[in-house]
């Protein structure tokens, strides 16, 4: 079974996002990688994946205590189903400014396990001024962040394990790469 977990961007969604997030142009609209100044390795286009359901976590950071990190293996695509995209909809100031975020400790644990991709169904792994530096921190350690996925609940319902097929647009010299992400269950 194939599940497209890429956010479908419409002209209305694009307009909404661009009015609430300056970086929504050139690579940061909809589902995308934050590659920063790194090159996305072609071998990352196919990764074993796991999704953690953290949709009940609100009012605090998502921590390593909220997930079973023993299930994470080196080189994996690790996704977090926060439910935020479905809850508030893509593109609003609330979507970009108040989304759930991963704790620094959880991110460091994922990096220590040599995670290839961290993926979320919200605007980033961190918010505000911490967003870009944390994306850079991950990229410098060979881990890329994918933002604005959708339908991760479908993967949770199917047991949480899948093969992720991720195909970024071949742009260069930009900090974000739009991509298509298909989960094979």
Protein backbone atom coordinates (compact mmCIF):
# COMPACT_ATOMS: atom_id res chain seq x y z
CA UNK A 1 0.00 0.00 0.00
CA UNK A 2 1.30 3.46 -0.93
CA UNK A 3 0.33 6.54 1.09
CA UNK A 4 1.18 10.04 -0.15
CA UNK A 5 2.08 11.99 3.00
CA UNK A 6 2.90 15.15 1.05
CA UNK A 7 0.77 18.21 1.73
CA UNK A 8 -1.22 19.13 -1.37
CA UNK A 9 -0.65 22.85 -1.93
CA UNK A 10 -3.46 24.82 -3.53
CA UNK A 11 -3.31 28.48 -4.62
CA UNK A 12 -5.38 29.39 -1.53
CA UNK A 13 -3.03 27.53 0.83
CA UNK A 14 -0.03 29.11 -0.87
CA UNK A 15 -1.47 32.61 -0.44
CA UNK A 16 -2.32 31.96 3.22
CA UNK A 17 1.14 30.59 4.00
CA UNK A 18 2.95 33.41 2.22
CA UNK A 19 0.98 36.02 4.16
CA UNK A 20 1.98 34.42 7.48
CA UNK A 21 5.50 33.10 6.85
CA UNK A 22 8.16 35.04 4.92
CA UNK A 23 10.09 31.88 4.07
CA UNK A 24 7.14 30.19 2.33
CA UNK A 25 8.61 31.14 -1.04
CA UNK A 26 11.39 29.37 -2.93
CA UNK A 27 11.61 25.99 -1.32
CA UNK A 28 9.77 26.42 1.97
CA UNK A 29 6.18 26.06 0.79
CA UNK A 30 4.26 22.92 1.75
CA UNK A 31 6.18 19.71 2.38
CA UNK A 32 9.90 20.44 2.16
CA UNK A 33 13.37 19.68 3.47
CA UNK A 34 15.37 22.20 5.35
CA UNK A 35 18.74 21.36 3.76
CA UNK A 36 20.51 24.50 4.92
CA UNK A 37 23.96 24.51 3.27
CA UNK A 38 24.22 20.73 2.92
CA UNK A 39 23.71 18.37 -0.01
CA UNK A 40 20.84 15.88 0.31
CA UNK A 41 22.34 12.40 -0.27
CA UNK A 42 20.57 10.38 -2.96
CA UNK A 43 20.65 7.28 -0.75
CA UNK A 44 18.28 9.13 1.60
CA UNK A 45 15.52 8.91 -1.03
CA UNK A 46 14.67 5.43 0.32
CA UNK A 47 14.76 4.95 4.10
CA UNK A 48 13.15 2.60 6.56
CA UNK A 49 10.66 4.67 8.52
CA UNK A 50 8.81 4.83 11.77
CA UNK A 51 6.13 7.21 12.96
CA UNK A 52 5.46 8.05 16.60
CA UNK A 53 2.01 9.21 17.67
CA UNK A 54 2.60 12.24 19.90
CA UNK A 55 -0.75 13.88 19.12
CA UNK A 56 -1.74 13.92 22.80
CA UNK A 57 1.26 16.07 23.80
CA UNK A 58 0.24 19.72 24.18
CA UNK A 59 1.48 22.59 26.30
CA UNK A 60 5.06 21.31 26.48
CA UNK A 61 7.86 20.02 24.28
CA UNK A 62 7.74 16.46 22.96
CA UNK A 63 10.51 14.63 24.81
CA UNK A 64 12.41 11.36 24.59
CA UNK A 65 10.08 10.07 27.33
CA UNK A 66 7.12 10.37 24.94
CA UNK A 67 8.48 7.84 22.43
CA UNK A 68 10.17 4.44 22.42
CA UNK A 69 13.61 5.34 21.09
CA UNK A 70 14.68 1.69 21.21
CA UNK A 71 12.67 1.29 17.98
CA UNK A 72 14.86 3.83 16.14
CA UNK A 73 17.71 2.42 14.06
CA UNK A 74 20.61 4.15 12.35
CA UNK A 75 19.72 5.77 9.04
CA UNK A 76 15.96 5.86 9.62
CA UNK A 77 13.26 8.31 8.57
CA UNK A 78 11.66 9.18 11.93
CA UNK A 79 8.28 10.93 11.75
CA UNK A 80 6.18 12.52 14.48
CA UNK A 81 2.40 12.58 14.18
CA UNK A 82 1.47 15.67 16.19
CA UNK A 83 -1.93 16.09 14.53
CA UNK A 84 -1.26 19.83 14.26
CA UNK A 85 -1.77 20.17 10.51
CA UNK A 86 -5.16 18.48 10.72
CA UNK A 87 -6.09 20.38 13.89
CA UNK A 88 -5.39 23.95 12.78
CA UNK A 89 -4.84 23.71 9.01
CA UNK A 90 -1.77 24.71 7.04
CA UNK A 91 -0.61 28.26 6.56
CA UNK A 92 -2.06 30.37 9.38
CA UNK A 93 0.00 32.35 11.89
CA UNK A 94 -1.17 29.87 14.56
CA UNK A 95 0.05 26.96 12.40
CA UNK A 96 3.54 28.46 12.06
CA UNK A 97 3.85 30.13 15.45
CA UNK A 98 2.28 27.78 17.98
CA UNK A 99 2.94 24.26 16.63
CA UNK A 100 4.21 21.45 18.86
CA UNK A 101 7.98 21.13 18.98
CA UNK A 102 10.56 18.49 19.76
CA UNK A 103 12.76 19.04 22.80
CA UNK A 104 16.47 19.62 22.29
CA UNK A 105 17.07 16.40 24.25
CA UNK A 106 14.88 14.36 21.90
CA UNK A 107 16.59 15.84 18.85
CA UNK A 108 20.01 15.04 20.33
CA UNK A 109 18.90 11.44 21.04
CA UNK A 110 17.78 11.08 17.40
CA UNK A 111 21.07 12.49 16.16
CA UNK A 112 23.03 10.15 18.45
CA UNK A 113 21.16 7.26 16.79
CA UNK A 114 22.27 8.65 13.38
CA UNK A 115 18.75 9.35 12.20
CA UNK A 116 18.78 10.39 8.51
CA UNK A 117 15.52 12.33 8.46
CA UNK A 118 13.32 13.84 11.16
CA UNK A 119 9.84 14.56 9.82
CA UNK A 120 6.86 16.38 11.32
CA UNK A 121 3.28 17.24 10.40
CA UNK A 122 3.73 20.81 11.60
CA UNK A 123 5.87 23.87 10.85
CA UNK A 124 9.17 22.58 12.23
CA UNK A 125 11.01 20.75 14.96
CA UNK A 126 11.39 24.07 16.84
CA UNK A 127 9.53 27.41 16.64
CA UNK A 128 10.50 31.03 16.17
CA UNK A 129 14.14 32.01 16.57
CA UNK A 130 15.09 28.41 17.40
CA UNK A 131 13.74 27.05 14.09
CA UNK A 132 16.58 27.85 11.68
CA UNK A 133 19.48 27.20 14.08
CA UNK A 134 18.05 23.76 14.97
CA UNK A 135 17.60 22.88 11.29
CA UNK A 136 21.23 23.88 10.71
CA UNK A 137 22.35 21.88 13.76
CA UNK A 138 20.65 18.77 12.36
CA UNK A 139 21.92 19.28 8.79
CA UNK A 140 25.51 19.68 9.99
CA UNK A 141 25.15 16.24 11.58
CA UNK A 142 23.83 14.58 8.41
CA UNK A 143 20.17 14.67 9.43
CA UNK A 144 17.56 16.56 7.44
CA UNK A 145 14.27 17.95 8.69
CA UNK A 146 11.08 17.54 6.66
CA UNK A 147 8.18 19.80 7.60
CA UNK A 148 4.46 19.90 6.82
CA UNK A 149 3.70 16.25 6.19
CA UNK A 150 0.09 15.07 6.27
CA UNK A 151 -1.89 11.90 6.96
CA UNK A 152 0.66 10.46 9.38
CA UNK A 153 -2.29 9.12 11.36
CA UNK A 154 -2.83 6.61 8.51
CA UNK A 155 0.68 5.26 9.12
CA UNK A 156 0.05 5.12 12.88
CA UNK A 157 -3.09 3.05 12.20
CA UNK A 158 -1.03 0.68 10.00
CA UNK A 159 1.43 -0.08 12.80
CA UNK A 160 3.87 2.80 12.45
CA UNK A 161 6.53 1.10 10.28
CA UNK A 162 6.98 1.87 6.59
CA UNK A 163 9.49 2.56 3.85
CA UNK A 164 9.81 6.26 3.07
CA UNK A 165 10.42 7.34 -0.52
CA UNK A 166 11.44 11.00 -0.55
CA UNK A 167 12.18 12.96 -3.70
CA UNK A 168 13.33 16.58 -3.39
CA UNK A 169 13.28 19.01 -6.28
CA UNK A 170 16.80 19.44 -7.66
CA UNK A 171 17.30 23.08 -6.59
CA UNK A 172 20.69 24.36 -5.49
CA UNK A 173 21.76 27.33 -3.39
CA UNK A 174 18.54 27.40 -1.37
CA UNK A 175 17.78 26.45 2.23
CA UNK A 176 14.60 24.57 1.47
CA UNK A 177 13.75 21.89 -1.08
CA UNK A 178 10.12 21.06 -1.88
CA UNK A 179 9.69 17.31 -1.91
CA UNK A 180 7.27 14.48 -2.43
CA UNK A 181 7.14 11.83 0.28
CA UNK A 182 5.45 8.49 -0.29
CA UNK A 183 5.15 5.90 2.46
CA UNK A 184 5.13 2.24 1.44
CA UNK A 185 3.36 0.12 4.05
